[in-house]
Amino acid sequence: MIIASRGARFAIRLLGLSIALAGLGVSVAHAAPPPRLQTIAVLPVTGDNVAPEILSAADDILRDHLQKAGVYAVIEAPRTPAGPAAPMPVPEATPAVAAQTGASLGAELSVVVRLTHFGNSARLRLTAYATGTAQVVYWDSILINGGPDELDVAIARLVNGMKTGKPVRDSAELETVTDKETQALNRREANKSFGLRLTTLLPFNSQDGKFEALTGGGLFWLYDARSWMADVAVDIGGGANGRFFADAALGAYYPLLREDFTPYVGGQIRWAEMSLGGSGAGGLTMQPTVGILLGRLSSVQIRVEAGYFFNTFGEAGKSYYDSSGMYITPTGDRHYGHGFVFSAGIGF
């Protein structure tokens, strides 16, 4: 009975201590200070070629989005009186004036917004100055193509960019994508030409140790994007004693001039089948290339190229029948061909 009463008293004391600690935790949680809000002064929105009603609406929208951000305490600076006496257009506040206005209101930042209308578009610019130094804390602008209906989206983007410190192009959310951003990017069209060419290979390190030039022909499609060029080509050719080559190539080049005549440098990668005195082999071929292009601005073009190819595949010796009539295909002593390549072609 004594042990039981002692256990009960201990349990009661433990329960009371738990309740006291819980109450202490609750009181501490309630006593935590709220997050500090940065005080900002919002100067009246100014503009060029913009109706006063739109500027006034932009003022209200700007304050709403700053307050919704949850990190700012917004102070409204006095507005310039509207009417015939007001200057048109209203000039944008200088950094010194903006900082002085914000400091007089006890703000840490001064926010200046400018709306400039031109043609069917407008550009909205937001600048935030530190009131103590008049230094720019945040600056960015956004293009408006959807008229006044897009003011809310544009201002929301700028405020979110200032809050996060991101450029406005990276501050879009699901509801703040502009009409302009939903459109496909305008792209320049590359000039294209189709042509014929003659090709000569001067291969070394052939399987049979003999040197023999191979000649052939092919087709190419050249794409000229002004700052760079690329082509797709196929070639086929051969020589005596069963030597041949066939390939399909992709090339990329850098033109050295922006004129009708330009030299260029680049390279090609080919998938090639070659027989250079052996049993033949196929695989990738790498080829650094230099060339000249005449008639770049014309409907007819002349191309001359020189390169040096390196086969990544080796060619074994020719297959043969031995004295017993068995067909033998050599597997060792592979030779990796390489050599000069020259071509000349005309494109249309």
C-alpha atoms as a PDB file:
ATOM      1  CA  MET A   1       0.000   0.000   0.000  1.00  0.00           C
ATOM      2  CA  ILE A   2       2.880   2.354   0.786  1.00  0.00           C
ATOM      3  CA  ILE A   3       4.598   1.492  -2.504  1.00  0.00           C
ATOM      4  CA  ALA A   4       1.377   2.025  -4.464  1.00  0.00           C
ATOM      5  CA  SER A   5       0.754   5.429  -2.885  1.00  0.00           C
ATOM      6  CA  ARG A   6       4.294   6.519  -3.611  1.00  0.00           C
ATOM      7  CA  GLY A   7       3.919   5.448  -7.285  1.00  0.00           C
ATOM      8  CA  ALA A   8       0.661   7.382  -7.586  1.00  0.00           C
ATOM      9  CA  ARG A   9       2.219  10.513  -6.111  1.00  0.00           C
ATOM     10  CA  PHE A  10       5.162  10.216  -8.526  1.00  0.00           C
ATOM     11  CA  ALA A  11       2.829   9.830 -11.519  1.00  0.00           C
ATOM     12  CA  ILE A  12       0.827  12.890 -10.448  1.00  0.00           C
ATOM     13  CA  ARG A  13       3.989  14.958 -10.072  1.00  0.00           C
ATOM     14  CA  LEU A  14       5.266  13.833 -13.506  1.00  0.00           C
ATOM     15  CA  LEU A  15       1.914  14.746 -15.109  1.00  0.00           C
ATOM     16  CA  GLY A  16       1.988  18.184 -13.485  1.00  0.00           C
ATOM     17  CA  LEU A  17       5.535  18.787 -14.683  1.00  0.00           C
ATOM     18  CA  SER A  18       4.575  17.819 -18.258  1.00  0.00           C
ATOM     19  CA  ILE A  19       1.613  20.200 -18.200  1.00  0.00           C
ATOM     20  CA  ALA A  20       3.825  22.996 -16.890  1.00  0.00           C
ATOM     21  CA  LEU A  21       6.444  22.410 -19.598  1.00  0.00           C
ATOM     22  CA  ALA A  22       3.757  22.325 -22.283  1.00  0.00           C
ATOM     23  CA  GLY A  23       2.338  25.598 -21.004  1.00  0.00           C
ATOM     24  CA  LEU A  24       5.805  27.099 -20.994  1.00  0.00           C
ATOM     25  CA  GLY A  25       6.354  25.994 -24.594  1.00  0.00           C
ATOM     26  CA  VAL A  26       3.048  27.487 -25.678  1.00  0.00           C
ATOM     27  CA  SER A  27       3.821  30.780 -23.975  1.00  0.00           C
ATOM     28  CA  VAL A  28       7.275  30.889 -25.583  1.00  0.00           C
ATOM     29  CA  ALA A  29       5.785  30.158 -29.026  1.00  0.00           C
ATOM     30  CA  HIS A  30       3.271  32.957 -28.612  1.00  0.00           C
ATOM     31  CA  ALA A  31       6.024  35.291 -27.453  1.00  0.00           C
ATOM     32  CA  ALA A  32       8.105  34.813 -30.684  1.00  0.00           C
ATOM     33  CA  PRO A  33       8.396  38.142 -32.522  1.00  0.00           C
ATOM     34  CA  PRO A  34       6.781  38.450 -35.961  1.00  0.00           C
ATOM     35  CA  PRO A  35       9.060  38.517 -39.049  1.00  0.00           C
ATOM     36  CA  ARG A  36      10.498  41.941 -39.749  1.00  0.00           C
ATOM     37  CA  LEU A  37       9.027  43.804 -42.740  1.00  0.00           C
ATOM     38  CA  GLN A  38      11.238  45.986 -44.887  1.00  0.00           C
ATOM     39  CA  THR A  39       9.846  49.510 -45.094  1.00  0.00           C
ATOM     40  CA  ILE A  40       9.573  50.873 -48.632  1.00  0.00           C
ATOM     41  CA  ALA A  41       8.295  54.154 -49.990  1.00  0.00           C
ATOM     42  CA  VAL A  42       6.367  53.895 -53.268  1.00  0.00           C
ATOM     43  CA  LEU A  43       6.701  56.976 -55.448  1.00  0.00           C
ATOM     44  CA  PRO A  44       3.927  57.743 -57.969  1.00  0.00           C
ATOM     45  CA  VAL A  45       4.216  55.799 -61.241  1.00  0.00           C
ATOM     46  CA  THR A  46       5.302  58.090 -64.082  1.00  0.00           C
ATOM     47  CA  GLY A  47       5.150  57.560 -67.823  1.00  0.00           C
ATOM     48  CA  ASP A  48       5.574  58.763 -71.392  1.00  0.00           C
ATOM     49  CA  ASN A  49       2.646  58.748 -73.804  1.00  0.00           C
ATOM     50  CA  VAL A  50       0.416  57.139 -71.166  1.00  0.00           C
ATOM     51  CA  ALA A  51      -3.021  58.311 -69.980  1.00  0.00           C
ATOM     52  CA  PRO A  52      -3.158  59.570 -66.354  1.00  0.00           C
ATOM     53  CA  GLU A  53      -5.889  57.022 -65.581  1.00  0.00           C
ATOM     54  CA  ILE A  54      -3.546  54.167 -66.504  1.00  0.00           C
ATOM     55  CA  LEU A  55      -0.738  55.602 -64.364  1.00  0.00           C
ATOM     56  CA  SER A  56      -3.131  55.914 -61.408  1.00  0.00           C
ATOM     57  CA  ALA A  57      -4.268  52.315 -61.890  1.00  0.00           C
ATOM     58  CA  ALA A  58      -0.635  51.178 -62.058  1.00  0.00           C
ATOM     59  CA  ASP A  59      -0.062  52.959 -58.713  1.00  0.00           C
ATOM     60  CA  ASP A  60      -2.823  50.965 -57.026  1.00  0.00           C
ATOM     61  CA  ILE A  61      -1.766  47.659 -58.602  1.00  0.00           C
ATOM     62  CA  LEU A  62       1.852  48.220 -57.550  1.00  0.00           C
ATOM     63  CA  ARG A  63       0.930  48.825 -53.904  1.00  0.00           C
ATOM     64  CA  ASP A  64      -1.339  45.761 -53.887  1.00  0.00           C
ATOM     65  CA  HIS A  65       1.409  43.448 -55.154  1.00  0.00           C
ATOM     66  CA  LEU A  66       4.000  44.876 -52.772  1.00  0.00           C
ATOM     67  CA  GLN A  67       1.694  44.263 -49.820  1.00  0.00           C
ATOM     68  CA  LYS A  68       0.840  40.751 -51.058  1.00  0.00           C
ATOM     69  CA  ALA A  69       4.548  39.924 -51.161  1.00  0.00           C
ATOM     70  CA  GLY A  70       4.452  39.678 -47.371  1.00  0.00           C
ATOM     71  CA  VAL A  71       7.932  41.123 -46.800  1.00  0.00           C
ATOM     72  CA  TYR A  72       7.315  44.854 -47.246  1.00  0.00           C
ATOM     73  CA  ALA A  73       5.694  47.574 -45.170  1.00  0.00           C
ATOM     74  CA  VAL A  74       4.434  49.976 -47.843  1.00  0.00           C
ATOM     75  CA  ILE A  75       4.414  53.750 -47.406  1.00  0.00           C
ATOM     76  CA  GLU A  76       2.827  55.833 -50.136  1.00  0.00           C
ATOM     77  CA  ALA A  77       4.725  58.976 -51.140  1.00  0.00           C
ATOM     78  CA  PRO A  78       2.678  62.110 -51.909  1.00  0.00           C
ATOM     79  CA  ARG A  79       1.336  62.187 -55.453  1.00  0.00           C
ATOM     80  CA  THR A  80       1.979  65.017 -57.906  1.00  0.00           C
ATOM     81  CA  PRO A  81      -1.250  66.976 -58.381  1.00  0.00           C
ATOM     82  CA  ALA A  82      -2.949  66.119 -61.666  1.00  0.00           C
ATOM     83  CA  GLY A  83      -4.386  68.716 -64.007  1.00  0.00           C
ATOM     84  CA  PRO A  84      -3.219  71.382 -66.472  1.00  0.00           C
ATOM     85  CA  ALA A  85      -0.598  72.644 -64.040  1.00  0.00           C
ATOM     86  CA  ALA A  86       1.127  69.250 -63.866  1.00  0.00           C
ATOM     87  CA  PRO A  87       4.094  68.792 -66.260  1.00  0.00           C
ATOM     88  CA  MET A  88       3.453  66.451 -69.191  1.00  0.00           C
ATOM     89  CA  PRO A  89       5.036  64.010 -69.292  1.00  0.00           C
ATOM     90  CA  VAL A  90       5.782  63.752 -65.587  1.00  0.00           C
ATOM     91  CA  PRO A  91       9.551  63.279 -65.211  1.00  0.00           C
ATOM     92  CA  GLU A  92      10.949  60.228 -63.451  1.00  0.00           C
ATOM     93  CA  ALA A  93      12.445  60.895 -60.022  1.00  0.00           C
ATOM     94  CA  THR A  94      16.240  60.998 -59.955  1.00  0.00           C
ATOM     95  CA  PRO A  95      18.096  58.643 -57.594  1.00  0.00           C
ATOM     96  CA  ALA A  96      18.845  61.511 -55.198  1.00  0.00           C
ATOM     97  CA  VAL A  97      15.235  62.725 -55.128  1.00  0.00           C
ATOM     98  CA  ALA A  98      13.872  59.182 -54.717  1.00  0.00           C
ATOM     99  CA  ALA A  99      16.268  58.442 -51.850  1.00  0.00           C
ATOM    100  CA  GLN A 100      15.522  61.756 -50.153  1.00  0.00           C
ATOM    101  CA  THR A 101      11.772  61.201 -50.423  1.00  0.00           C
ATOM    102  CA  GLY A 102      12.037  57.729 -48.951  1.00  0.00           C
ATOM    103  CA  ALA A 103      14.302  58.896 -46.120  1.00  0.00           C
ATOM    104  CA  SER A 104      11.861  61.670 -45.194  1.00  0.00           C
ATOM    105  CA  LEU A 105       9.155  59.020 -44.783  1.00  0.00           C
ATOM    106  CA  GLY A 106      11.364  56.751 -42.683  1.00  0.00           C
ATOM    107  CA  ALA A 107      11.669  54.076 -45.397  1.00  0.00           C
ATOM    108  CA  GLU A 108      14.641  51.852 -46.171  1.00  0.00           C
ATOM    109  CA  LEU A 109      13.936  51.635 -49.900  1.00  0.00           C
ATOM    110  CA  SER A 110      12.332  53.915 -52.460  1.00  0.00           C
ATOM    111  CA  VAL A 111      10.564  52.260 -55.402  1.00  0.00           C
ATOM    112  CA  VAL A 112      10.276  54.145 -58.705  1.00  0.00           C
ATOM    113  CA  VAL A 113       8.243  52.762 -61.636  1.00  0.00           C
ATOM    114  CA  ARG A 114       8.250  54.156 -65.176  1.00  0.00           C
ATOM    115  CA  LEU A 115       5.835  53.162 -67.981  1.00  0.00           C
ATOM    116  CA  THR A 116       6.836  54.107 -71.536  1.00  0.00           C
ATOM    117  CA  HIS A 117       4.362  53.536 -74.376  1.00  0.00           C
ATOM    118  CA  PHE A 118       5.519  53.201 -77.992  1.00  0.00           C
ATOM    119  CA  GLY A 119       3.570  51.897 -80.988  1.00  0.00           C
ATOM    120  CA  ASN A 120       1.558  48.865 -79.918  1.00  0.00           C
ATOM    121  CA  SER A 121       3.838  48.033 -76.976  1.00  0.00           C
ATOM    122  CA  ALA A 122       4.992  49.487 -73.697  1.00  0.00           C
ATOM    123  CA  ARG A 123       7.944  48.901 -71.398  1.00  0.00           C
ATOM    124  CA  LEU A 124       7.525  48.915 -67.623  1.00  0.00           C
ATOM    125  CA  ARG A 125      10.642  49.580 -65.530  1.00  0.00           C
ATOM    126  CA  LEU A 126      11.044  49.222 -61.764  1.00  0.00           C
ATOM    127  CA  THR A 127      14.000  50.648 -59.807  1.00  0.00           C
ATOM    128  CA  ALA A 128      14.548  50.309 -56.060  1.00  0.00           C
ATOM    129  CA  TYR A 129      16.999  52.700 -54.337  1.00  0.00           C
ATOM    130  CA  ALA A 130      18.521  52.472 -50.877  1.00  0.00           C
ATOM    131  CA  THR A 131      17.416  55.650 -49.085  1.00  0.00           C
ATOM    132  CA  GLY A 132      20.705  56.006 -47.234  1.00  0.00           C
ATOM    133  CA  THR A 133      23.028  55.904 -50.259  1.00  0.00           C
ATOM    134  CA  ALA A 134      20.760  56.381 -53.329  1.00  0.00           C
ATOM    135  CA  GLN A 135      22.348  53.225 -54.751  1.00  0.00           C
ATOM    136  CA  VAL A 136      20.323  50.892 -56.978  1.00  0.00           C
ATOM    137  CA  VAL A 137      19.276  47.807 -54.990  1.00  0.00           C
ATOM    138  CA  TYR A 138      17.194  46.231 -57.773  1.00  0.00           C
ATOM    139  CA  TRP A 139      16.476  47.154 -61.374  1.00  0.00           C
ATOM    140  CA  ASP A 140      14.667  45.414 -64.229  1.00  0.00           C
ATOM    141  CA  SER A 141      12.070  45.991 -66.935  1.00  0.00           C
ATOM    142  CA  ILE A 142       9.470  44.003 -68.853  1.00  0.00           C
ATOM    143  CA  LEU A 143       7.820  44.435 -72.251  1.00  0.00           C
ATOM    144  CA  ILE A 144       4.023  44.710 -72.416  1.00  0.00           C
ATOM    145  CA  ASN A 145       2.296  43.683 -75.664  1.00  0.00           C
ATOM    146  CA  GLY A 146      -1.195  42.983 -74.364  1.00  0.00           C
ATOM    147  CA  GLY A 147      -2.191  46.575 -73.578  1.00  0.00           C
ATOM    148  CA  PRO A 148      -3.370  47.814 -70.153  1.00  0.00           C
ATOM    149  CA  ASP A 149      -4.861  44.380 -69.425  1.00  0.00           C
ATOM    150  CA  GLU A 150      -1.316  43.079 -68.963  1.00  0.00           C
ATOM    151  CA  LEU A 151      -0.297  45.691 -66.363  1.00  0.00           C
ATOM    152  CA  ASP A 152      -1.245  43.441 -63.457  1.00  0.00           C
ATOM    153  CA  VAL A 153       0.869  40.537 -64.753  1.00  0.00           C
ATOM    154  CA  ALA A 154       3.848  42.772 -65.564  1.00  0.00           C
ATOM    155  CA  ILE A 155       3.858  44.494 -62.157  1.00  0.00           C
ATOM    156  CA  ALA A 156       3.502  41.139 -60.386  1.00  0.00           C
ATOM    157  CA  ARG A 157       6.575  39.872 -62.269  1.00  0.00           C
ATOM    158  CA  LEU A 158       8.651  42.914 -61.319  1.00  0.00           C
ATOM    159  CA  VAL A 159       7.644  42.749 -57.648  1.00  0.00           C
ATOM    160  CA  ASN A 160       8.404  39.021 -57.501  1.00  0.00           C
ATOM    161  CA  GLY A 161      11.768  39.664 -59.149  1.00  0.00           C
ATOM    162  CA  MET A 162      12.596  42.339 -56.538  1.00  0.00           C
ATOM    163  CA  LYS A 163      11.475  40.047 -53.708  1.00  0.00           C
ATOM    164  CA  THR A 164      13.549  37.056 -54.904  1.00  0.00           C
ATOM    165  CA  GLY A 165      16.428  38.993 -56.457  1.00  0.00           C
ATOM    166  CA  LYS A 166      15.946  37.191 -59.773  1.00  0.00           C
ATOM    167  CA  PRO A 167      15.886  38.771 -63.245  1.00  0.00           C
ATOM    168  CA  VAL A 168      12.334  39.343 -64.447  1.00  0.00           C
ATOM    169  CA  ARG A 169      12.779  36.755 -67.219  1.00  0.00           C
ATOM    170  CA  ASP A 170      13.289  34.088 -64.520  1.00  0.00           C
ATOM    171  CA  SER A 171      10.594  35.280 -62.094  1.00  0.00           C
ATOM    172  CA  ALA A 172       7.517  34.044 -63.981  1.00  0.00           C
ATOM    173  CA  GLU A 173       4.899  31.966 -62.185  1.00  0.00           C
ATOM    174  CA  LEU A 174       1.937  30.080 -63.626  1.00  0.00           C
ATOM    175  CA  GLU A 175      -0.298  33.159 -63.562  1.00  0.00           C
ATOM    176  CA  THR A 176       2.288  35.756 -64.678  1.00  0.00           C
ATOM    177  CA  VAL A 177       3.363  34.647 -68.159  1.00  0.00           C
ATOM    178  CA  THR A 178       2.943  37.489 -70.659  1.00  0.00           C
ATOM    179  CA  ASP A 179       1.357  37.246 -74.101  1.00  0.00           C
ATOM    180  CA  LYS A 180       4.754  37.843 -75.702  1.00  0.00           C
ATOM    181  CA  GLU A 181       6.287  34.891 -73.860  1.00  0.00           C
ATOM    182  CA  THR A 182       3.588  32.527 -75.112  1.00  0.00           C
ATOM    183  CA  GLN A 183       4.599  33.234 -78.710  1.00  0.00           C
ATOM    184  CA  ALA A 184       7.232  31.251 -80.559  1.00  0.00           C
ATOM    185  CA  LEU A 185      10.605  32.953 -80.957  1.00  0.00           C
ATOM    186  CA  ASN A 186      11.250  34.583 -84.299  1.00  0.00           C
ATOM    187  CA  ARG A 187      14.088  32.761 -86.027  1.00  0.00           C
ATOM    188  CA  ARG A 188      16.238  33.764 -88.951  1.00  0.00           C
ATOM    189  CA  GLU A 189      15.981  31.447 -91.925  1.00  0.00           C
ATOM    190  CA  ALA A 190      19.258  29.860 -92.986  1.00  0.00           C
ATOM    191  CA  ASN A 191      20.210  30.015 -96.660  1.00  0.00           C
ATOM    192  CA  LYS A 192      20.227  26.564 -98.255  1.00  0.00           C
ATOM    193  CA  SER A 193      21.926  25.284-101.377  1.00  0.00           C
ATOM    194  CA  PHE A 194      22.039  21.880-103.056  1.00  0.00           C
ATOM    195  CA  GLY A 195      25.075  20.929-105.097  1.00  0.00           C
ATOM    196  CA  LEU A 196      27.288  18.409-106.829  1.00  0.00           C
ATOM    197  CA  ARG A 197      30.976  17.845-106.162  1.00  0.00           C
ATOM    198  CA  LEU A 198      33.989  15.848-107.280  1.00  0.00           C
ATOM    199  CA  THR A 199      36.194  14.247-104.614  1.00  0.00           C
ATOM    200  CA  THR A 200      39.720  12.839-104.591  1.00  0.00           C
ATOM    201  CA  LEU A 201      41.220  10.727-101.770  1.00  0.00           C
ATOM    202  CA  LEU A 202      44.971  10.335-101.342  1.00  0.00           C
ATOM    203  CA  PRO A 203      45.141   7.545 -98.723  1.00  0.00           C
ATOM    204  CA  PHE A 204      48.253   6.406 -96.872  1.00  0.00           C
ATOM    205  CA  ASN A 205      48.922   3.367 -94.688  1.00  0.00           C
ATOM    206  CA  SER A 206      46.943   1.123 -97.024  1.00  0.00           C
ATOM    207  CA  GLN A 207      46.733  -2.579 -96.250  1.00  0.00           C
ATOM    208  CA  ASP A 208      48.860  -3.691 -99.217  1.00  0.00           C
ATOM    209  CA  GLY A 209      51.399  -0.882 -98.752  1.00  0.00           C
ATOM    210  CA  LYS A 210      50.649   0.670-102.153  1.00  0.00           C
ATOM    211  CA  PHE A 211      49.614   4.271-102.778  1.00  0.00           C
ATOM    212  CA  GLU A 212      46.777   4.951-105.187  1.00  0.00           C
ATOM    213  CA  ALA A 213      44.481   7.961-105.544  1.00  0.00           C
ATOM    214  CA  LEU A 214      40.740   7.336-105.472  1.00  0.00           C
ATOM    215  CA  THR A 215      38.288   9.593-107.302  1.00  0.00           C
ATOM    216  CA  GLY A 216      34.549   9.913-106.961  1.00  0.00           C
ATOM    217  CA  GLY A 217      31.588  12.225-106.803  1.00  0.00           C
ATOM    218  CA  GLY A 218      28.735  13.116-104.542  1.00  0.00           C
ATOM    219  CA  LEU A 219      25.957  15.426-103.421  1.00  0.00           C
ATOM    220  CA  PHE A 220      25.844  18.032-100.657  1.00  0.00           C
ATOM    221  CA  TRP A 221      23.276  20.237 -98.913  1.00  0.00           C
ATOM    222  CA  LEU A 222      24.830  23.395 -97.426  1.00  0.00           C
ATOM    223  CA  TYR A 223      23.077  25.467 -94.722  1.00  0.00           C
ATOM    224  CA  ASP A 224      24.408  28.989 -94.161  1.00  0.00           C
ATOM    225  CA  ALA A 225      23.272  30.577 -90.849  1.00  0.00           C
ATOM    226  CA  ARG A 226      25.528  33.654 -91.314  1.00  0.00           C
ATOM    227  CA  SER A 227      27.698  33.136 -88.249  1.00  0.00           C
ATOM    228  CA  TRP A 228      28.204  29.419 -88.957  1.00  0.00           C
ATOM    229  CA  MET A 229      27.622  26.891 -91.723  1.00  0.00           C
ATOM    230  CA  ALA A 230      26.823  23.186 -91.844  1.00  0.00           C
ATOM    231  CA  ASP A 231      26.373  20.574 -94.539  1.00  0.00           C
ATOM    232  CA  VAL A 232      25.207  17.038 -95.197  1.00  0.00           C
ATOM    233  CA  ALA A 233      26.979  15.099 -97.933  1.00  0.00           C
ATOM    234  CA  VAL A 234      27.250  11.672 -99.536  1.00  0.00           C
ATOM    235  CA  ASP A 235      30.142  10.470-101.735  1.00  0.00           C
ATOM    236  CA  ILE A 236      31.095   7.343-103.616  1.00  0.00           C
ATOM    237  CA  GLY A 237      34.195   6.535-105.649  1.00  0.00           C
ATOM    238  CA  GLY A 238      36.973   4.084-106.263  1.00  0.00           C
ATOM    239  CA  GLY A 239      40.081   3.150-108.179  1.00  0.00           C
ATOM    240  CA  ALA A 240      41.941   0.182-109.659  1.00  0.00           C
ATOM    241  CA  ASN A 241      42.394  -3.222-108.010  1.00  0.00           C
ATOM    242  CA  GLY A 242      39.011  -3.165-106.257  1.00  0.00           C
ATOM    243  CA  ARG A 243      39.690  -0.079-104.146  1.00  0.00           C
ATOM    244  CA  PHE A 244      36.608   1.956-103.297  1.00  0.00           C
ATOM    245  CA  PHE A 245      35.042   4.298-100.755  1.00  0.00           C
ATOM    246  CA  ALA A 246      31.494   5.341 -99.885  1.00  0.00           C
ATOM    247  CA  ASP A 247      30.438   7.650 -97.069  1.00  0.00           C
ATOM    248  CA  ALA A 248      27.807   9.914 -95.564  1.00  0.00           C
ATOM    249  CA  ALA A 249      29.087  12.991 -93.749  1.00  0.00           C
ATOM    250  CA  LEU A 250      28.003  15.805 -91.413  1.00  0.00           C
ATOM    251  CA  GLY A 251      30.101  18.972 -91.397  1.00  0.00           C
ATOM    252  CA  ALA A 252      30.212  22.194 -89.379  1.00  0.00           C
ATOM    253  CA  TYR A 253      32.232  25.271 -90.338  1.00  0.00           C
ATOM    254  CA  TYR A 254      33.068  28.783 -89.188  1.00  0.00           C
ATOM    255  CA  PRO A 255      33.185  31.410 -91.980  1.00  0.00           C
ATOM    256  CA  LEU A 256      36.017  33.915 -91.525  1.00  0.00           C
ATOM    257  CA  LEU A 257      34.306  36.728 -93.486  1.00  0.00           C
ATOM    258  CA  ARG A 258      30.749  38.014 -93.909  1.00  0.00           C
ATOM    259  CA  GLU A 259      31.208  38.766 -97.619  1.00  0.00           C
ATOM    260  CA  ASP A 260      30.351  37.123-100.915  1.00  0.00           C
ATOM    261  CA  PHE A 261      33.714  35.344-100.829  1.00  0.00           C
ATOM    262  CA  THR A 262      34.818  33.750 -97.566  1.00  0.00           C
ATOM    263  CA  PRO A 263      37.329  31.160 -96.413  1.00  0.00           C
ATOM    264  CA  TYR A 264      36.132  28.821 -93.677  1.00  0.00           C
ATOM    265  CA  VAL A 265      37.466  26.257 -91.230  1.00  0.00           C
ATOM    266  CA  GLY A 266      35.737  23.340 -89.589  1.00  0.00           C
ATOM    267  CA  GLY A 267      35.461  19.602 -89.574  1.00  0.00           C
ATOM    268  CA  GLN A 268      33.481  16.617 -90.760  1.00  0.00           C
ATOM    269  CA  ILE A 269      32.481  13.305 -89.254  1.00  0.00           C
ATOM    270  CA  ARG A 270      31.759  10.483 -91.703  1.00  0.00           C
ATOM    271  CA  TRP A 271      30.361   7.006 -91.656  1.00  0.00           C
ATOM    272  CA  ALA A 272      32.497   5.380 -94.328  1.00  0.00           C
ATOM    273  CA  GLU A 273      33.069   2.056 -96.016  1.00  0.00           C
ATOM    274  CA  MET A 274      36.566   1.746 -97.541  1.00  0.00           C
ATOM    275  CA  SER A 275      38.694  -0.842 -99.232  1.00  0.00           C
ATOM    276  CA  LEU A 276      42.316   0.315 -99.436  1.00  0.00           C
ATOM    277  CA  GLY A 277      44.117  -2.786-100.632  1.00  0.00           C
ATOM    278  CA  GLY A 278      42.618  -5.117 -98.018  1.00  0.00           C
ATOM    279  CA  SER A 279      39.350  -6.897 -97.309  1.00  0.00           C
ATOM    280  CA  GLY A 280      37.521  -3.615 -96.638  1.00  0.00           C
ATOM    281  CA  ALA A 281      36.152  -2.149 -93.416  1.00  0.00           C
ATOM    282  CA  GLY A 282      33.762   0.483 -92.186  1.00  0.00           C
ATOM    283  CA  GLY A 283      33.256   2.912 -89.324  1.00  0.00           C
ATOM    284  CA  LEU A 284      33.737   6.530 -88.300  1.00  0.00           C
ATOM    285  CA  THR A 285      36.155   8.867 -90.018  1.00  0.00           C
ATOM    286  CA  MET A 286      37.252  12.246 -88.604  1.00  0.00           C
ATOM    287  CA  GLN A 287      38.300  15.009 -90.969  1.00  0.00           C
ATOM    288  CA  PRO A 288      39.487  18.559 -90.122  1.00  0.00           C
ATOM    289  CA  THR A 289      38.701  20.747 -93.137  1.00  0.00           C
ATOM    290  CA  VAL A 290      39.484  24.160 -94.632  1.00  0.00           C
ATOM    291  CA  GLY A 291      37.742  25.621 -97.652  1.00  0.00           C
ATOM    292  CA  ILE A 292      36.604  28.635 -99.604  1.00  0.00           C
ATOM    293  CA  LEU A 293      33.087  29.605-100.643  1.00  0.00           C
ATOM    294  CA  LEU A 294      32.491  31.917-103.610  1.00  0.00           C
ATOM    295  CA  GLY A 295      29.024  33.313-104.269  1.00  0.00           C
ATOM    296  CA  ARG A 296      27.766  33.250-100.707  1.00  0.00           C
ATOM    297  CA  LEU A 297      25.311  36.042-101.542  1.00  0.00           C
ATOM    298  CA  SER A 298      24.389  34.558-104.917  1.00  0.00           C
ATOM    299  CA  SER A 299      22.021  31.848-106.104  1.00  0.00           C
ATOM    300  CA  VAL A 300      25.057  29.934-107.490  1.00  0.00           C
ATOM    301  CA  GLN A 301      28.010  29.008-105.287  1.00  0.00           C
ATOM    302  CA  ILE A 302      31.437  27.457-105.822  1.00  0.00           C
ATOM    303  CA  ARG A 303      33.044  25.417-102.998  1.00  0.00           C
ATOM    304  CA  VAL A 304      36.623  24.128-102.813  1.00  0.00           C
ATOM    305  CA  GLU A 305      37.792  22.116 -99.799  1.00  0.00           C
ATOM    306  CA  ALA A 306      40.897  20.384 -98.503  1.00  0.00           C
ATOM    307  CA  GLY A 307      41.011  18.083 -95.504  1.00  0.00           C
ATOM    308  CA  TYR A 308      42.865  15.235 -93.864  1.00  0.00           C
ATOM    309  CA  PHE A 309      40.938  12.123 -92.837  1.00  0.00           C
ATOM    310  CA  PHE A 310      41.677   9.667 -90.020  1.00  0.00           C
ATOM    311  CA  ASN A 311      39.907   6.297 -89.971  1.00  0.00           C
ATOM    312  CA  THR A 312      38.928   5.004 -86.539  1.00  0.00           C
ATOM    313  CA  PHE A 313      38.591   1.504 -88.008  1.00  0.00           C
ATOM    314  CA  GLY A 314      41.329  -0.827 -89.204  1.00  0.00           C
ATOM    315  CA  GLU A 315      41.355  -2.847 -92.409  1.00  0.00           C
ATOM    316  CA  ALA A 316      42.599  -6.435 -92.469  1.00  0.00           C
ATOM    317  CA  GLY A 317      44.274  -8.175 -95.395  1.00  0.00           C
ATOM    318  CA  LYS A 318      42.337  -9.644 -98.303  1.00  0.00           C
ATOM    319  CA  SER A 319      40.574 -12.936 -97.851  1.00  0.00           C
ATOM    320  CA  TYR A 320      41.854 -15.909 -99.870  1.00  0.00           C
ATOM    321  CA  TYR A 321      41.595 -19.666-100.378  1.00  0.00           C
ATOM    322  CA  ASP A 322      44.419 -21.734 -98.977  1.00  0.00           C
ATOM    323  CA  SER A 323      45.892 -24.833-100.563  1.00  0.00           C
ATOM    324  CA  SER A 324      43.182 -27.000 -99.020  1.00  0.00           C
ATOM    325  CA  GLY A 325      40.413 -24.868-100.496  1.00  0.00           C
ATOM    326  CA  MET A 326      39.447 -23.251 -97.189  1.00  0.00           C
ATOM    327  CA  TYR A 327      38.394 -19.572 -97.352  1.00  0.00           C
ATOM    328  CA  ILE A 328      40.644 -17.578 -95.009  1.00  0.00           C
ATOM    329  CA  THR A 329      39.796 -14.084 -93.672  1.00  0.00           C
ATOM    330  CA  PRO A 330      42.810 -12.477 -91.945  1.00  0.00           C
ATOM    331  CA  THR A 331      42.037 -10.916 -88.564  1.00  0.00           C
ATOM    332  CA  GLY A 332      45.411  -9.500 -87.482  1.00  0.00           C
ATOM    333  CA  ASP A 333      47.727  -6.827 -88.812  1.00  0.00           C
ATOM    334  CA  ARG A 334      45.027  -4.190 -89.354  1.00  0.00           C
ATOM    335  CA  HIS A 335      45.946  -0.917 -91.043  1.00  0.00           C
ATOM    336  CA  TYR A 336      44.229   2.367 -90.130  1.00  0.00           C
ATOM    337  CA  GLY A 337      44.007   4.499 -93.245  1.00  0.00           C
ATOM    338  CA  HIS A 338      44.526   8.245 -93.302  1.00  0.00           C
ATOM    339  CA  GLY A 339      45.299  10.833 -95.943  1.00  0.00           C
ATOM    340  CA  PHE A 340      44.348  13.971 -97.836  1.00  0.00           C
ATOM    341  CA  VAL A 341      40.895  14.710 -99.256  1.00  0.00           C
ATOM    342  CA  PHE A 342      40.241  17.330-101.927  1.00  0.00           C
ATOM    343  CA  SER A 343      36.851  18.319-103.326  1.00  0.00           C
ATOM    344  CA  ALA A 344      35.330  20.941-105.588  1.00  0.00           C
ATOM    345  CA  GLY A 345      31.639  21.526-106.134  1.00  0.00           C
ATOM    346  CA  ILE A 346      28.908  23.843-107.316  1.00  0.00           C
ATOM    347  CA  GLY A 347      25.732  24.635-105.438  1.00  0.00           C
ATOM    348  CA  PHE A 348      22.392  26.116-106.488  1.00  0.00           C
END
